[in-house]
PDB file of all heavy atoms in Angstrom:
ATOM      1  N   VAL A   1      13.600  14.006  -0.862  1.00  0.00           N
ATOM      2  CA  VAL A   1      14.757  14.871  -0.623  1.00  0.00           C
ATOM      3  C   VAL A   1      15.230  15.503  -1.931  1.00  0.00           C
ATOM      4  O   VAL A   1      15.699  16.654  -1.937  1.00  0.00           O
ATOM      5  CB  VAL A   1      15.894  14.112   0.097  1.00  0.00           C
ATOM      6  CG1 VAL A   1      16.542  13.061  -0.781  1.00  0.00           C
ATOM      7  CG2 VAL A   1      16.934  15.094   0.614  1.00  0.00           C
ATOM      8  N   GLU A   2      15.077  14.814  -3.028  1.00  0.00           N
ATOM      9  CA  GLU A   2      15.386  15.432  -4.321  1.00  0.00           C
ATOM     10  C   GLU A   2      14.465  16.617  -4.573  1.00  0.00           C
ATOM     11  O   GLU A   2      14.908  17.700  -4.976  1.00  0.00           O
ATOM     12  CB  GLU A   2      15.243  14.419  -5.449  1.00  0.00           C
ATOM     13  CG  GLU A   2      15.518  15.007  -6.827  1.00  0.00           C
ATOM     14  CD  GLU A   2      15.232  14.029  -7.951  1.00  0.00           C
ATOM     15  OE1 GLU A   2      15.952  13.016  -8.049  1.00  0.00           O
ATOM     16  OE2 GLU A   2      14.291  14.273  -8.735  1.00  0.00           O
ATOM     17  N   SER A   3      13.190  16.444  -4.308  1.00  0.00           N
ATOM     18  CA  SER A   3      12.221  17.521  -4.493  1.00  0.00           C
ATOM     19  C   SER A   3      12.579  18.727  -3.629  1.00  0.00           C
ATOM     20  O   SER A   3      12.577  19.879  -4.096  1.00  0.00           O
ATOM     21  CB  SER A   3      10.819  17.015  -4.152  1.00  0.00           C
ATOM     22  OG  SER A   3       9.879  18.070  -4.143  1.00  0.00           O
ATOM     23  N   LEU A   4      12.928  18.491  -2.373  1.00  0.00           N
ATOM     24  CA  LEU A   4      13.235  19.595  -1.461  1.00  0.00           C
ATOM     25  C   LEU A   4      14.493  20.346  -1.894  1.00  0.00           C
ATOM     26  O   LEU A   4      14.528  21.581  -1.903  1.00  0.00           O
ATOM     27  CB  LEU A   4      13.390  19.055  -0.039  1.00  0.00           C
ATOM     28  CG  LEU A   4      13.737  20.061   1.061  1.00  0.00           C
ATOM     29  CD1 LEU A   4      12.716  21.192   1.132  1.00  0.00           C
ATOM     30  CD2 LEU A   4      13.852  19.352   2.406  1.00  0.00           C
ATOM     31  N   THR A   5      15.527  19.619  -2.253  1.00  0.00           N
ATOM     32  CA  THR A   5      16.787  20.284  -2.601  1.00  0.00           C
ATOM     33  C   THR A   5      16.719  20.969  -3.957  1.00  0.00           C
ATOM     34  O   THR A   5      17.360  22.004  -4.159  1.00  0.00           O
ATOM     35  CB  THR A   5      17.964  19.289  -2.588  1.00  0.00           C
ATOM     36  OG1 THR A   5      17.690  18.215  -3.492  1.00  0.00           O
ATOM     37  CG2 THR A   5      18.192  18.731  -1.192  1.00  0.00           C
ATOM     38  N   VAL A   6      15.937  20.428  -4.886  1.00  0.00           N
ATOM     39  CA  VAL A   6      15.848  21.022  -6.222  1.00  0.00           C
ATOM     40  C   VAL A   6      14.838  22.164  -6.253  1.00  0.00           C
ATOM     41  O   VAL A   6      15.109  23.244  -6.800  1.00  0.00           O
ATOM     42  CB  VAL A   6      15.471  19.952  -7.266  1.00  0.00           C
ATOM     43  CG1 VAL A   6      15.174  20.595  -8.625  1.00  0.00           C
ATOM     44  CG2 VAL A   6      16.588  18.924  -7.401  1.00  0.00           C
ATOM     45  N   GLU A   7      13.673  21.960  -5.649  1.00  0.00           N
ATOM     46  CA  GLU A   7      12.584  22.929  -5.767  1.00  0.00           C
ATOM     47  C   GLU A   7      12.644  24.044  -4.717  1.00  0.00           C
ATOM     48  O   GLU A   7      12.054  25.106  -4.912  1.00  0.00           O
ATOM     49  CB  GLU A   7      11.242  22.191  -5.667  1.00  0.00           C
ATOM     50  CG  GLU A   7      11.036  21.188  -6.796  1.00  0.00           C
ATOM     51  CD  GLU A   7       9.957  20.165  -6.481  1.00  0.00           C
ATOM     52  OE1 GLU A   7       9.037  20.495  -5.713  1.00  0.00           O
ATOM     53  OE2 GLU A   7      10.049  19.032  -7.007  1.00  0.00           O
ATOM     54  N   VAL A   8      13.369  23.800  -3.634  1.00  0.00           N
ATOM     55  CA  VAL A   8      13.505  24.820  -2.582  1.00  0.00           C
ATOM     56  C   VAL A   8      14.965  25.202  -2.387  1.00  0.00           C
ATOM     57  O   VAL A   8      15.334  26.351  -2.455  1.00  0.00           O
ATOM     58  CB  VAL A   8      12.903  24.335  -1.245  1.00  0.00           C
ATOM     59  CG1 VAL A   8      13.040  25.432  -0.179  1.00  0.00           C
ATOM     60  CG2 VAL A   8      11.438  23.948  -1.421  1.00  0.00           C
ATOM     61  N   GLY A   9      15.809  24.222  -2.124  1.00  0.00           N
ATOM     62  CA  GLY A   9      17.224  24.497  -1.912  1.00  0.00           C
ATOM     63  C   GLY A   9      17.505  25.068  -0.546  1.00  0.00           C
ATOM     64  O   GLY A   9      16.835  24.734   0.438  1.00  0.00           O
ATOM     65  N   PRO A  10      18.517  25.954  -0.424  1.00  0.00           N
ATOM     66  CA  PRO A  10      18.866  26.524   0.887  1.00  0.00           C
ATOM     67  C   PRO A  10      17.667  27.224   1.513  1.00  0.00           C
ATOM     68  O   PRO A  10      16.922  27.911   0.833  1.00  0.00           O
ATOM     69  CB  PRO A  10      19.978  27.522   0.553  1.00  0.00           C
ATOM     70  CG  PRO A  10      20.487  27.128  -0.785  1.00  0.00           C
ATOM     71  CD  PRO A  10      19.342  26.509  -1.509  1.00  0.00           C
ATOM     72  N   ARG A  11      17.497  27.070   2.829  1.00  0.00           N
ATOM     73  CA  ARG A  11      16.290  27.581   3.495  1.00  0.00           C
ATOM     74  C   ARG A  11      16.626  28.017   4.914  1.00  0.00           C
ATOM     75  O   ARG A  11      16.197  27.398   5.900  1.00  0.00           O
ATOM     76  CB  ARG A  11      15.175  26.521   3.458  1.00  0.00           C
ATOM     77  CG  ARG A  11      15.678  25.130   3.791  1.00  0.00           C
ATOM     78  CD  ARG A  11      14.786  24.005   3.292  1.00  0.00           C
ATOM     79  NE  ARG A  11      15.337  22.730   3.736  1.00  0.00           N
ATOM     80  CZ  ARG A  11      16.283  22.042   3.081  1.00  0.00           C
ATOM     81  NH1 ARG A  11      16.776  22.506   1.950  1.00  0.00           N
ATOM     82  NH2 ARG A  11      16.735  20.898   3.557  1.00  0.00           N
ATOM     83  N   LEU A  12      17.412  29.050   4.985  1.00  0.00           N
ATOM     84  CA  LEU A  12      17.808  29.602   6.275  1.00  0.00           C
ATOM     85  C   LEU A  12      16.590  30.145   7.003  1.00  0.00           C
ATOM     86  O   LEU A  12      15.758  30.835   6.409  1.00  0.00           O
ATOM     87  CB  LEU A  12      18.834  30.721   6.060  1.00  0.00           C
ATOM     88  CG  LEU A  12      19.461  31.343   7.306  1.00  0.00           C
ATOM     89  CD1 LEU A  12      20.292  30.327   8.076  1.00  0.00           C
ATOM     90  CD2 LEU A  12      20.316  32.544   6.921  1.00  0.00           C
ATOM     91  N   ALA A  13      16.472  29.833   8.268  1.00  0.00           N
ATOM     92  CA  ALA A  13      15.325  30.283   9.058  1.00  0.00           C
ATOM     93  C   ALA A  13      15.163  31.797   8.950  1.00  0.00           C
ATOM     94  O   ALA A  13      16.116  32.551   9.069  1.00  0.00           O
ATOM     95  CB  ALA A  13      15.510  29.885  10.517  1.00  0.00           C
ATOM     96  N   GLY A  14      13.925  32.226   8.694  1.00  0.00           N
ATOM     97  CA  GLY A  14      13.624  33.644   8.594  1.00  0.00           C
ATOM     98  C   GLY A  14      13.822  34.239   7.217  1.00  0.00           C
ATOM     99  O   GLY A  14      13.463  35.396   6.985  1.00  0.00           O
ATOM    100  N   SER A  15      14.356  33.463   6.281  1.00  0.00           N
ATOM    101  CA  SER A  15      14.570  33.944   4.916  1.00  0.00           C
ATOM    102  C   SER A  15      13.329  33.719   4.064  1.00  0.00           C
ATOM    103  O   SER A  15      12.397  33.005   4.457  1.00  0.00           O
ATOM    104  CB  SER A  15      15.750  33.218   4.271  1.00  0.00           C
ATOM    105  OG  SER A  15      15.431  31.847   4.038  1.00  0.00           O
ATOM    106  N   ALA A  16      13.333  34.301   2.871  1.00  0.00           N
ATOM    107  CA  ALA A  16      12.218  34.079   1.952  1.00  0.00           C
ATOM    108  C   ALA A  16      12.097  32.603   1.589  1.00  0.00           C
ATOM    109  O   ALA A  16      10.988  32.061   1.483  1.00  0.00           O
ATOM    110  CB  ALA A  16      12.409  34.931   0.692  1.00  0.00           C
ATOM    111  N   GLN A  17      13.225  31.917   1.416  1.00  0.00           N
ATOM    112  CA  GLN A  17      13.187  30.498   1.055  1.00  0.00           C
ATOM    113  C   GLN A  17      12.670  29.630   2.185  1.00  0.00           C
ATOM    114  O   GLN A  17      12.162  28.526   1.943  1.00  0.00           O
ATOM    115  CB  GLN A  17      14.566  30.022   0.617  1.00  0.00           C
ATOM    116  CG  GLN A  17      14.959  30.472  -0.785  1.00  0.00           C
ATOM    117  CD  GLN A  17      13.962  30.039  -1.846  1.00  0.00           C
ATOM    118  OE1 GLN A  17      13.205  30.858  -2.369  1.00  0.00           O
ATOM    119  NE2 GLN A  17      13.949  28.761  -2.168  1.00  0.00           N
ATOM    120  N   ASP A  18      12.785  30.096   3.398  1.00  0.00           N
ATOM    121  CA  ASP A  18      12.228  29.365   4.531  1.00  0.00           C
ATOM    122  C   ASP A  18      10.711  29.217   4.365  1.00  0.00           C
ATOM    123  O   ASP A  18      10.149  28.134   4.576  1.00  0.00           O
ATOM    124  CB  ASP A  18      12.564  30.105   5.819  1.00  0.00           C
ATOM    125  CG  ASP A  18      12.091  29.393   7.078  1.00  0.00           C
ATOM    126  OD1 ASP A  18      11.991  28.161   7.057  1.00  0.00           O
ATOM    127  OD2 ASP A  18      11.809  30.086   8.069  1.00  0.00           O
ATOM    128  N   LEU A  19      10.043  30.273   3.963  1.00  0.00           N
ATOM    129  CA  LEU A  19       8.594  30.207   3.760  1.00  0.00           C
ATOM    130  C   LEU A  19       8.239  29.383   2.529  1.00  0.00           C
ATOM    131  O   LEU A  19       7.191  28.731   2.487  1.00  0.00           O
ATOM    132  CB  LEU A  19       8.023  31.616   3.651  1.00  0.00           C
ATOM    133  CG  LEU A  19       8.121  32.453   4.929  1.00  0.00           C
ATOM    134  CD1 LEU A  19       7.476  33.817   4.725  1.00  0.00           C
ATOM    135  CD2 LEU A  19       7.486  31.739   6.120  1.00  0.00           C
ATOM    136  N   VAL A  20       9.112  29.392   1.517  1.00  0.00           N
ATOM    137  CA  VAL A  20       8.915  28.501   0.365  1.00  0.00           C
ATOM    138  C   VAL A  20       8.962  27.047   0.833  1.00  0.00           C
ATOM    139  O   VAL A  20       8.158  26.208   0.398  1.00  0.00           O
ATOM    140  CB  VAL A  20       9.973  28.760  -0.718  1.00  0.00           C
ATOM    141  CG1 VAL A  20       9.879  27.724  -1.836  1.00  0.00           C
ATOM    142  CG2 VAL A  20       9.826  30.160  -1.295  1.00  0.00           C
ATOM    143  N   ALA A  21       9.890  26.756   1.732  1.00  0.00           N
ATOM    144  CA  ALA A  21       9.999  25.400   2.274  1.00  0.00           C
ATOM    145  C   ALA A  21       8.763  25.004   3.074  1.00  0.00           C
ATOM    146  O   ALA A  21       8.300  23.861   3.004  1.00  0.00           O
ATOM    147  CB  ALA A  21      11.249  25.287   3.146  1.00  0.00           C
ATOM    148  N   VAL A  22       8.224  25.925   3.843  1.00  0.00           N
ATOM    149  CA  VAL A  22       7.002  25.654   4.615  1.00  0.00           C
ATOM    150  C   VAL A  22       5.858  25.286   3.681  1.00  0.00           C
ATOM    151  O   VAL A  22       5.146  24.293   3.906  1.00  0.00           O
ATOM    152  CB  VAL A  22       6.632  26.873   5.487  1.00  0.00           C
ATOM    153  CG1 VAL A  22       5.227  26.729   6.067  1.00  0.00           C
ATOM    154  CG2 VAL A  22       7.651  27.048   6.612  1.00  0.00           C
ATOM    155  N   LYS A  23       5.675  26.053   2.615  1.00  0.00           N
ATOM    156  CA  LYS A  23       4.616  25.754   1.640  1.00  0.00           C
ATOM    157  C   LYS A  23       4.878  24.414   0.964  1.00  0.00           C
ATOM    158  O   LYS A  23       3.952  23.605   0.763  1.00  0.00           O
ATOM    159  CB  LYS A  23       4.562  26.873   0.595  1.00  0.00           C
ATOM    160  CG  LYS A  23       3.505  26.675  -0.498  1.00  0.00           C
ATOM    161  CD  LYS A  23       2.092  26.684   0.063  1.00  0.00           C
ATOM    162  CE  LYS A  23       1.030  26.863  -1.007  1.00  0.00           C
ATOM    163  NZ  LYS A  23       1.061  25.847  -2.066  1.00  0.00           N
ATOM    164  N   TRP A  24       6.136  24.166   0.614  1.00  0.00           N
ATOM    165  CA  TRP A  24       6.505  22.879   0.011  1.00  0.00           C
ATOM    166  C   TRP A  24       6.120  21.728   0.949  1.00  0.00           C
ATOM    167  O   TRP A  24       5.563  20.715   0.501  1.00  0.00           O
ATOM    168  CB  TRP A  24       8.006  22.856  -0.269  1.00  0.00           C
ATOM    169  CG  TRP A  24       8.524  21.523  -0.725  1.00  0.00           C
ATOM    170  CD1 TRP A  24       8.647  21.078  -2.005  1.00  0.00           C
ATOM    171  CD2 TRP A  24       8.970  20.442   0.122  1.00  0.00           C
ATOM    172  NE1 TRP A  24       9.130  19.794  -2.012  1.00  0.00           N
ATOM    173  CE2 TRP A  24       9.341  19.381  -0.731  1.00  0.00           C
ATOM    174  CE3 TRP A  24       9.092  20.276   1.497  1.00  0.00           C
ATOM    175  CZ2 TRP A  24       9.842  18.172  -0.236  1.00  0.00           C
ATOM    176  CZ3 TRP A  24       9.578  19.062   1.985  1.00  0.00           C
ATOM    177  CH2 TRP A  24       9.950  18.032   1.119  1.00  0.00           C
ATOM    178  N   ALA A  25       6.431  21.876   2.240  1.00  0.00           N
ATOM    179  CA  ALA A  25       6.155  20.813   3.197  1.00  0.00           C
ATOM    180  C   ALA A  25       4.657  20.565   3.349  1.00  0.00           C
ATOM    181  O   ALA A  25       4.202  19.407   3.396  1.00  0.00           O
ATOM    182  CB  ALA A  25       6.777  21.158   4.548  1.00  0.00           C
ATOM    183  N   GLU A  26       3.874  21.632   3.435  1.00  0.00           N
ATOM    184  CA  GLU A  26       2.420  21.464   3.523  1.00  0.00           C
ATOM    185  C   GLU A  26       1.885  20.716   2.312  1.00  0.00           C
ATOM    186  O   GLU A  26       1.083  19.773   2.437  1.00  0.00           O
ATOM    187  CB  GLU A  26       1.745  22.825   3.609  1.00  0.00           C
ATOM    188  CG  GLU A  26       1.911  23.568   4.910  1.00  0.00           C
ATOM    189  CD  GLU A  26       1.180  24.887   4.880  1.00  0.00           C
ATOM    190  OE1 GLU A  26       1.672  25.846   4.256  1.00  0.00           O
ATOM    191  OE2 GLU A  26       0.075  24.940   5.464  1.00  0.00           O
ATOM    192  N   ASP A  27       2.319  21.137   1.130  1.00  0.00           N
ATOM    193  CA  ASP A  27       1.850  20.498  -0.103  1.00  0.00           C
ATOM    194  C   ASP A  27       2.272  19.035  -0.158  1.00  0.00           C
ATOM    195  O   ASP A  27       1.493  18.166  -0.581  1.00  0.00           O
ATOM    196  CB  ASP A  27       2.384  21.243  -1.324  1.00  0.00           C
ATOM    197  CG  ASP A  27       1.774  22.621  -1.499  1.00  0.00           C
ATOM    198  OD1 ASP A  27       0.737  22.904  -0.851  1.00  0.00           O
ATOM    199  OD2 ASP A  27       2.329  23.417  -2.281  1.00  0.00           O
ATOM    200  N   LYS A  28       3.511  18.758   0.261  1.00  0.00           N
ATOM    201  CA  LYS A  28       4.015  17.384   0.189  1.00  0.00           C
ATOM    202  C   LYS A  28       3.236  16.474   1.142  1.00  0.00           C
ATOM    203  O   LYS A  28       2.833  15.359   0.757  1.00  0.00           O
ATOM    204  CB  LYS A  28       5.506  17.370   0.527  1.00  0.00           C
ATOM    205  CG  LYS A  28       6.187  16.032   0.307  1.00  0.00           C
ATOM    206  CD  LYS A  28       6.183  15.624  -1.155  1.00  0.00           C
ATOM    207  CE  LYS A  28       7.048  16.529  -2.018  1.00  0.00           C
ATOM    208  NZ  LYS A  28       7.113  16.067  -3.425  1.00  0.00           N
ATOM    209  N   LEU A  29       3.023  16.917   2.362  1.00  0.00           N
ATOM    210  CA  LEU A  29       2.290  16.091   3.322  1.00  0.00           C
ATOM    211  C   LEU A  29       0.852  15.858   2.865  1.00  0.00           C
ATOM    212  O   LEU A  29       0.313  14.747   3.000  1.00  0.00           O
ATOM    213  CB  LEU A  29       2.312  16.744   4.706  1.00  0.00           C
ATOM    214  CG  LEU A  29       3.683  16.815   5.394  1.00  0.00           C
ATOM    215  CD1 LEU A  29       3.582  17.629   6.676  1.00  0.00           C
ATOM    216  CD2 LEU A  29       4.232  15.427   5.688  1.00  0.00           C
ATOM    217  N   ASN A  30       0.229  16.889   2.315  1.00  0.00           N
ATOM    218  CA  ASN A  30      -1.139  16.720   1.800  1.00  0.00           C
ATOM    219  C   ASN A  30      -1.178  15.735   0.637  1.00  0.00           C
ATOM    220  O   ASN A  30      -2.101  14.918   0.533  1.00  0.00           O
ATOM    221  CB  ASN A  30      -1.708  18.074   1.371  1.00  0.00           C
ATOM    222  CG  ASN A  30      -2.291  18.861   2.541  1.00  0.00           C
ATOM    223  OD1 ASN A  30      -3.067  18.331   3.332  1.00  0.00           O
ATOM    224  ND2 ASN A  30      -1.908  20.122   2.659  1.00  0.00           N
ATOM    225  N   SER A  31      -0.177  15.799  -0.227  1.00  0.00           N
ATOM    226  CA  SER A  31      -0.168  14.918  -1.399  1.00  0.00           C
ATOM    227  C   SER A  31       0.078  13.466  -1.034  1.00  0.00           C
ATOM    228  O   SER A  31      -0.249  12.563  -1.806  1.00  0.00           O
ATOM    229  CB  SER A  31       0.898  15.383  -2.396  1.00  0.00           C
ATOM    230  OG  SER A  31       2.214  15.080  -1.931  1.00  0.00           O
ATOM    231  N   LEU A  32       0.638  13.239   0.162  1.00  0.00           N
ATOM    232  CA  LEU A  32       1.005  11.883   0.565  1.00  0.00           C
ATOM    233  C   LEU A  32      -0.026  11.232   1.476  1.00  0.00           C
ATOM    234  O   LEU A  32       0.236  10.179   2.060  1.00  0.00           O
ATOM    235  CB  LEU A  32       2.372  11.898   1.242  1.00  0.00           C
ATOM    236  CG  LEU A  32       3.550  12.179   0.286  1.00  0.00           C
ATOM    237  CD1 LEU A  32       4.841  12.374   1.064  1.00  0.00           C
ATOM    238  CD2 LEU A  32       3.700  11.056  -0.733  1.00  0.00           C
ATOM    239  N   GLY A  33      -1.195  11.840   1.605  1.00  0.00           N
ATOM    240  CA  GLY A  33      -2.307  11.163   2.247  1.00  0.00           C
ATOM    241  C   GLY A  33      -2.359  11.226   3.752  1.00  0.00           C
ATOM    242  O   GLY A  33      -3.038  10.395   4.383  1.00  0.00           O
ATOM    243  N   PHE A  34      -1.688  12.185   4.364  1.00  0.00           N
ATOM    244  CA  PHE A  34      -1.822  12.335   5.816  1.00  0.00           C
ATOM    245  C   PHE A  34      -3.246  12.771   6.150  1.00  0.00           C
ATOM    246  O   PHE A  34      -3.872  13.533   5.411  1.00  0.00           O
ATOM    247  CB  PHE A  34      -0.801  13.354   6.336  1.00  0.00           C
ATOM    248  CG  PHE A  34       0.596  12.806   6.423  1.00  0.00           C
ATOM    249  CD1 PHE A  34       1.403  12.736   5.293  1.00  0.00           C
ATOM    250  CD2 PHE A  34       1.094  12.330   7.625  1.00  0.00           C
ATOM    251  CE1 PHE A  34       2.683  12.216   5.361  1.00  0.00           C
ATOM    252  CE2 PHE A  34       2.379  11.807   7.712  1.00  0.00           C
ATOM    253  CZ  PHE A  34       3.173  11.745   6.571  1.00  0.00           C
ATOM    254  N   ASP A  35      -3.746  12.301   7.269  1.00  0.00           N
ATOM    255  CA  ASP A  35      -5.128  12.596   7.651  1.00  0.00           C
ATOM    256  C   ASP A  35      -5.324  14.062   8.015  1.00  0.00           C
ATOM    257  O   ASP A  35      -6.400  14.626   7.826  1.00  0.00           O
ATOM    258  CB  ASP A  35      -5.542  11.725   8.851  1.00  0.00           C
ATOM    259  CG  ASP A  35      -5.514  10.240   8.517  1.00  0.00           C
ATOM    260  OD1 ASP A  35      -5.873   9.887   7.381  1.00  0.00           O
ATOM    261  OD2 ASP A  35      -5.117   9.449   9.390  1.00  0.00           O
ATOM    262  N   LYS A  36      -4.281  14.678   8.556  1.00  0.00           N
ATOM    263  CA  LYS A  36      -4.369  16.056   9.013  1.00  0.00           C
ATOM    264  C   LYS A  36      -3.022  16.724   8.793  1.00  0.00           C
ATOM    265  O   LYS A  36      -1.985  16.164   9.163  1.00  0.00           O
ATOM    266  CB  LYS A  36      -4.749  16.093  10.504  1.00  0.00           C
ATOM    267  CG  LYS A  36      -4.963  17.481  11.085  1.00  0.00           C
ATOM    268  CD  LYS A  36      -5.351  17.367  12.567  1.00  0.00           C
ATOM    269  CE  LYS A  36      -5.573  18.739  13.201  1.00  0.00           C
ATOM    270  NZ  LYS A  36      -5.883  18.619  14.645  1.00  0.00           N
ATOM    271  N   VAL A  37      -3.033  17.895   8.165  1.00  0.00           N
ATOM    272  CA  VAL A  37      -1.808  18.659   7.922  1.00  0.00           C
ATOM    273  C   VAL A  37      -2.054  20.089   8.394  1.00  0.00           C
ATOM    274  O   VAL A  37      -3.058  20.705   8.035  1.00  0.00           O
ATOM    275  CB  VAL A  37      -1.417  18.650   6.432  1.00  0.00           C
ATOM    276  CG1 VAL A  37      -0.190  19.526   6.190  1.00  0.00           C
ATOM    277  CG2 VAL A  37      -1.164  17.222   5.949  1.00  0.00           C
ATOM    278  N   TYR A  38      -1.137  20.606   9.205  1.00  0.00           N
ATOM    279  CA  TYR A  38      -1.305  21.972   9.711  1.00  0.00           C
ATOM    280  C   TYR A  38       0.065  22.544  10.061  1.00  0.00           C
ATOM    281  O   TYR A  38       1.085  21.832  10.056  1.00  0.00           O
ATOM    282  CB  TYR A  38      -2.228  22.006  10.921  1.00  0.00           C
ATOM    283  CG  TYR A  38      -1.839  21.091  12.077  1.00  0.00           C
ATOM    284  CD1 TYR A  38      -1.242  21.592  13.226  1.00  0.00           C
ATOM    285  CD2 TYR A  38      -2.111  19.721  12.022  1.00  0.00           C
ATOM    286  CE1 TYR A  38      -0.908  20.770  14.289  1.00  0.00           C
ATOM    287  CE2 TYR A  38      -1.780  18.885  13.078  1.00  0.00           C
ATOM    288  CZ  TYR A  38      -1.179  19.413  14.205  1.00  0.00           C
ATOM    289  OH  TYR A  38      -0.842  18.587  15.252  1.00  0.00           O
ATOM    290  N   LYS A  39       0.107  23.832  10.338  1.00  0.00           N
ATOM    291  CA  LYS A  39       1.360  24.476  10.712  1.00  0.00           C
ATOM    292  C   LYS A  39       1.135  25.328  11.945  1.00  0.00           C
ATOM    293  O   LYS A  39       0.019  25.795  12.203  1.00  0.00           O
ATOM    294  CB  LYS A  39       1.904  25.315   9.562  1.00  0.00           C
ATOM    295  CG  LYS A  39       1.013  26.468   9.130  1.00  0.00           C
ATOM    296  CD  LYS A  39       1.587  27.161   7.892  1.00  0.00           C
ATOM    297  CE  LYS A  39       0.702  28.342   7.470  1.00  0.00           C
ATOM    298  NZ  LYS A  39       1.198  28.993   6.243  1.00  0.00           N
ATOM    299  N   GLU A  40       2.212  25.511  12.703  1.00  0.00           N
ATOM    300  CA  GLU A  40       2.160  26.313  13.926  1.00  0.00           C
ATOM    301  C   GLU A  40       3.245  27.374  13.870  1.00  0.00           C
ATOM    302  O   GLU A  40       4.406  27.077  13.568  1.00  0.00           O
ATOM    303  CB  GLU A  40       2.357  25.417  15.153  1.00  0.00           C
ATOM    304  CG  GLU A  40       1.258  24.378  15.294  1.00  0.00           C
ATOM    305  CD  GLU A  40       1.462  23.433  16.463  1.00  0.00           C
ATOM    306  OE1 GLU A  40       2.605  23.320  16.952  1.00  0.00           O
ATOM    307  OE2 GLU A  40       0.477  22.802  16.881  1.00  0.00           O
ATOM    308  N   PRO A  41       2.910  28.644  14.159  1.00  0.00           N
ATOM    309  CA  PRO A  41       3.881  29.734  14.019  1.00  0.00           C
ATOM    310  C   PRO A  41       5.011  29.656  15.035  1.00  0.00           C
ATOM    311  O   PRO A  41       4.814  29.246  16.184  1.00  0.00           O
ATOM    312  CB  PRO A  41       3.028  30.988  14.213  1.00  0.00           C
ATOM    313  CG  PRO A  41       1.856  30.529  15.018  1.00  0.00           C
ATOM    314  CD  PRO A  41       1.588  29.117  14.605  1.00  0.00           C
ATOM    315  N   VAL A  42       6.182  30.059  14.579  1.00  0.00           N
ATOM    316  CA  VAL A  42       7.375  30.089  15.418  1.00  0.00           C
ATOM    317  C   VAL A  42       8.100  31.407  15.149  1.00  0.00           C
ATOM    318  O   VAL A  42       8.400  31.738  13.997  1.00  0.00           O
ATOM    319  CB  VAL A  42       8.316  28.911  15.086  1.00  0.00           C
ATOM    320  CG1 VAL A  42       9.583  28.980  15.939  1.00  0.00           C
ATOM    321  CG2 VAL A  42       7.608  27.576  15.267  1.00  0.00           C
ATOM    322  N   LYS A  43       8.384  32.171  16.192  1.00  0.00           N
ATOM    323  CA  LYS A  43       9.127  33.422  16.050  1.00  0.00           C
ATOM    324  C   LYS A  43      10.615  33.096  15.954  1.00  0.00           C
ATOM    325  O   LYS A  43      11.173  32.439  16.838  1.00  0.00           O
ATOM    326  CB  LYS A  43       8.848  34.339  17.242  1.00  0.00           C
ATOM    327  CG  LYS A  43       9.510  35.701  17.153  1.00  0.00           C
ATOM    328  CD  LYS A  43       9.182  36.544  18.388  1.00  0.00           C
ATOM    329  CE  LYS A  43       9.842  37.915  18.331  1.00  0.00           C
ATOM    330  NZ  LYS A  43       9.546  38.707  19.551  1.00  0.00           N
TER     331      LYS A  43
END
């Protein structure tokens, strides 16, 4: 949570920071050894 609040911060849906958060989440899950990491689009 420190990483998310410091490296991303506010992340209102549909904003530029929202996509920064998505990339942060993918990287974090991959770094923590999950067997499969993926994303699904949401309008």
